[in-house]
Amino acid sequence: MRAFVLALIAAFVVALGASYVLSRFQEPASVAFSTSGVRLSDVN
């Protein structure tokens, strides 16, 4: 039982770390896949 609880805590910590890393480095597709010559509008 103790190993299971430690595994849950470890999974939670890893998930929080991954969430933080992804939120810091992720950018919208309009920024990531556009060049200087493209015109993108903000029309939804």
N, C-alpha and C. Protein backbone atom coordinates (compact mmCIF):
# COMPACT_ATOMS: atom_id res chain seq x y z
N MET A 1 0.82 -1.19 0.00
CA MET A 1 0.00 0.00 0.00
C MET A 1 0.87 1.26 0.00
N ARG A 2 1.96 1.22 0.75
CA ARG A 2 2.84 2.38 0.81
C ARG A 2 3.46 2.68 -0.54
N ALA A 3 3.84 1.63 -1.27
CA ALA A 3 4.43 1.81 -2.61
C ALA A 3 3.41 2.43 -3.57
N PHE A 4 2.17 2.05 -3.44
CA PHE A 4 1.11 2.59 -4.30
C PHE A 4 0.91 4.08 -4.04
N VAL A 5 0.88 4.46 -2.78
CA VAL A 5 0.71 5.88 -2.43
C VAL A 5 1.91 6.69 -2.92
N LEU A 6 3.11 6.16 -2.76
CA LEU A 6 4.30 6.86 -3.26
C LEU A 6 4.27 6.98 -4.78
N ALA A 7 3.79 5.96 -5.47
CA ALA A 7 3.66 6.02 -6.92
C ALA A 7 2.65 7.07 -7.34
N LEU A 8 1.55 7.19 -6.62
CA LEU A 8 0.56 8.23 -6.92
C LEU A 8 1.14 9.62 -6.73
N ILE A 9 1.87 9.80 -5.65
CA ILE A 9 2.50 11.10 -5.39
C ILE A 9 3.53 11.42 -6.47
N ALA A 10 4.32 10.44 -6.85
CA ALA A 10 5.32 10.65 -7.90
C ALA A 10 4.66 10.99 -9.23
N ALA A 11 3.58 10.31 -9.57
CA ALA A 11 2.86 10.59 -10.82
C ALA A 11 2.29 12.00 -10.80
N PHE A 12 1.78 12.43 -9.66
CA PHE A 12 1.23 13.78 -9.52
C PHE A 12 2.32 14.83 -9.70
N VAL A 13 3.48 14.60 -9.09
CA VAL A 13 4.59 15.55 -9.20
C VAL A 13 5.09 15.62 -10.64
N VAL A 14 5.20 14.49 -11.29
CA VAL A 14 5.63 14.48 -12.69
C VAL A 14 4.62 15.20 -13.58
N ALA A 15 3.34 14.99 -13.34
CA ALA A 15 2.30 15.65 -14.13
C ALA A 15 2.35 17.17 -13.92
N LEU A 16 2.55 17.61 -12.71
CA LEU A 16 2.67 19.05 -12.45
C LEU A 16 3.89 19.64 -13.15
N GLY A 17 4.99 18.94 -13.09
CA GLY A 17 6.21 19.41 -13.75
C GLY A 17 6.04 19.48 -15.26
N ALA A 18 5.42 18.47 -15.84
CA ALA A 18 5.18 18.47 -17.29
C ALA A 18 4.24 19.59 -17.69
N SER A 19 3.23 19.82 -16.90
CA SER A 19 2.29 20.90 -17.18
C SER A 19 3.00 22.25 -17.16
N TYR A 20 3.85 22.46 -16.20
CA TYR A 20 4.59 23.71 -16.10
C TYR A 20 5.52 23.90 -17.30
N VAL A 21 6.26 22.85 -17.64
CA VAL A 21 7.20 22.94 -18.76
C VAL A 21 6.46 23.21 -20.06
N LEU A 22 5.37 22.50 -20.30
CA LEU A 22 4.63 22.69 -21.54
C LEU A 22 4.01 24.08 -21.61
N SER A 23 3.52 24.60 -20.53
CA SER A 23 2.92 25.93 -20.56
C SER A 23 3.96 27.02 -20.78
N ARG A 24 5.20 26.79 -20.39
CA ARG A 24 6.25 27.78 -20.58
C ARG A 24 6.75 27.82 -22.03
N PHE A 25 6.78 26.69 -22.72
CA PHE A 25 7.39 26.62 -24.04
C PHE A 25 6.40 26.50 -25.19
N GLN A 26 5.14 26.29 -24.90
CA GLN A 26 4.16 26.12 -25.95
C GLN A 26 3.75 27.47 -26.52
N GLU A 27 3.61 27.53 -27.85
CA GLU A 27 3.16 28.75 -28.50
C GLU A 27 2.07 28.40 -29.51
N PRO A 28 1.21 29.35 -29.83
CA PRO A 28 0.11 29.06 -30.76
C PRO A 28 0.63 28.65 -32.14
N ALA A 29 -0.16 27.89 -32.87
CA ALA A 29 0.24 27.44 -34.20
C ALA A 29 0.43 28.61 -35.15
N SER A 30 -0.34 29.69 -34.95
CA SER A 30 -0.20 30.85 -35.82
C SER A 30 1.17 31.51 -35.67
N VAL A 31 1.79 31.33 -34.53
CA VAL A 31 3.13 31.88 -34.30
C VAL A 31 4.19 30.85 -34.69
N ALA A 32 3.96 29.61 -34.37
CA ALA A 32 4.97 28.57 -34.58
C ALA A 32 5.17 28.24 -36.06
N PHE A 33 4.11 28.29 -36.86
CA PHE A 33 4.19 27.85 -38.25
C PHE A 33 4.00 28.97 -39.25
N SER A 34 4.31 30.19 -38.88
CA SER A 34 4.19 31.30 -39.82
C SER A 34 5.56 31.90 -40.09
N THR A 35 5.69 32.45 -41.29
CA THR A 35 6.93 33.11 -41.67
C THR A 35 6.70 34.62 -41.65
N SER A 36 7.71 35.37 -41.97
CA SER A 36 7.59 36.82 -41.92
C SER A 36 6.66 37.36 -43.01
N GLY A 37 6.41 36.60 -44.08
CA GLY A 37 5.59 37.08 -45.19
C GLY A 37 4.13 36.74 -45.10
N VAL A 38 3.71 36.02 -44.07
CA VAL A 38 2.32 35.58 -43.98
C VAL A 38 1.49 36.60 -43.20
N ARG A 39 0.23 36.77 -43.63
CA ARG A 39 -0.70 37.65 -42.91
C ARG A 39 -1.79 36.81 -42.32
N LEU A 40 -1.91 36.80 -41.02
CA LEU A 40 -2.95 36.05 -40.33
C LEU A 40 -3.88 37.03 -39.64
N SER A 41 -5.19 36.79 -39.80
CA SER A 41 -6.15 37.63 -39.10
C SER A 41 -6.67 36.90 -37.88
N ASP A 42 -7.25 37.64 -36.94
CA ASP A 42 -7.76 37.05 -35.72
C ASP A 42 -9.25 36.77 -35.83
N VAL A 43 -9.74 36.42 -37.00
CA VAL A 43 -11.15 36.12 -37.21
C VAL A 43 -11.43 34.70 -36.75
N ASN A 44 -12.43 34.52 -35.93
CA ASN A 44 -12.78 33.18 -35.43
C ASN A 44 -13.81 32.56 -36.29
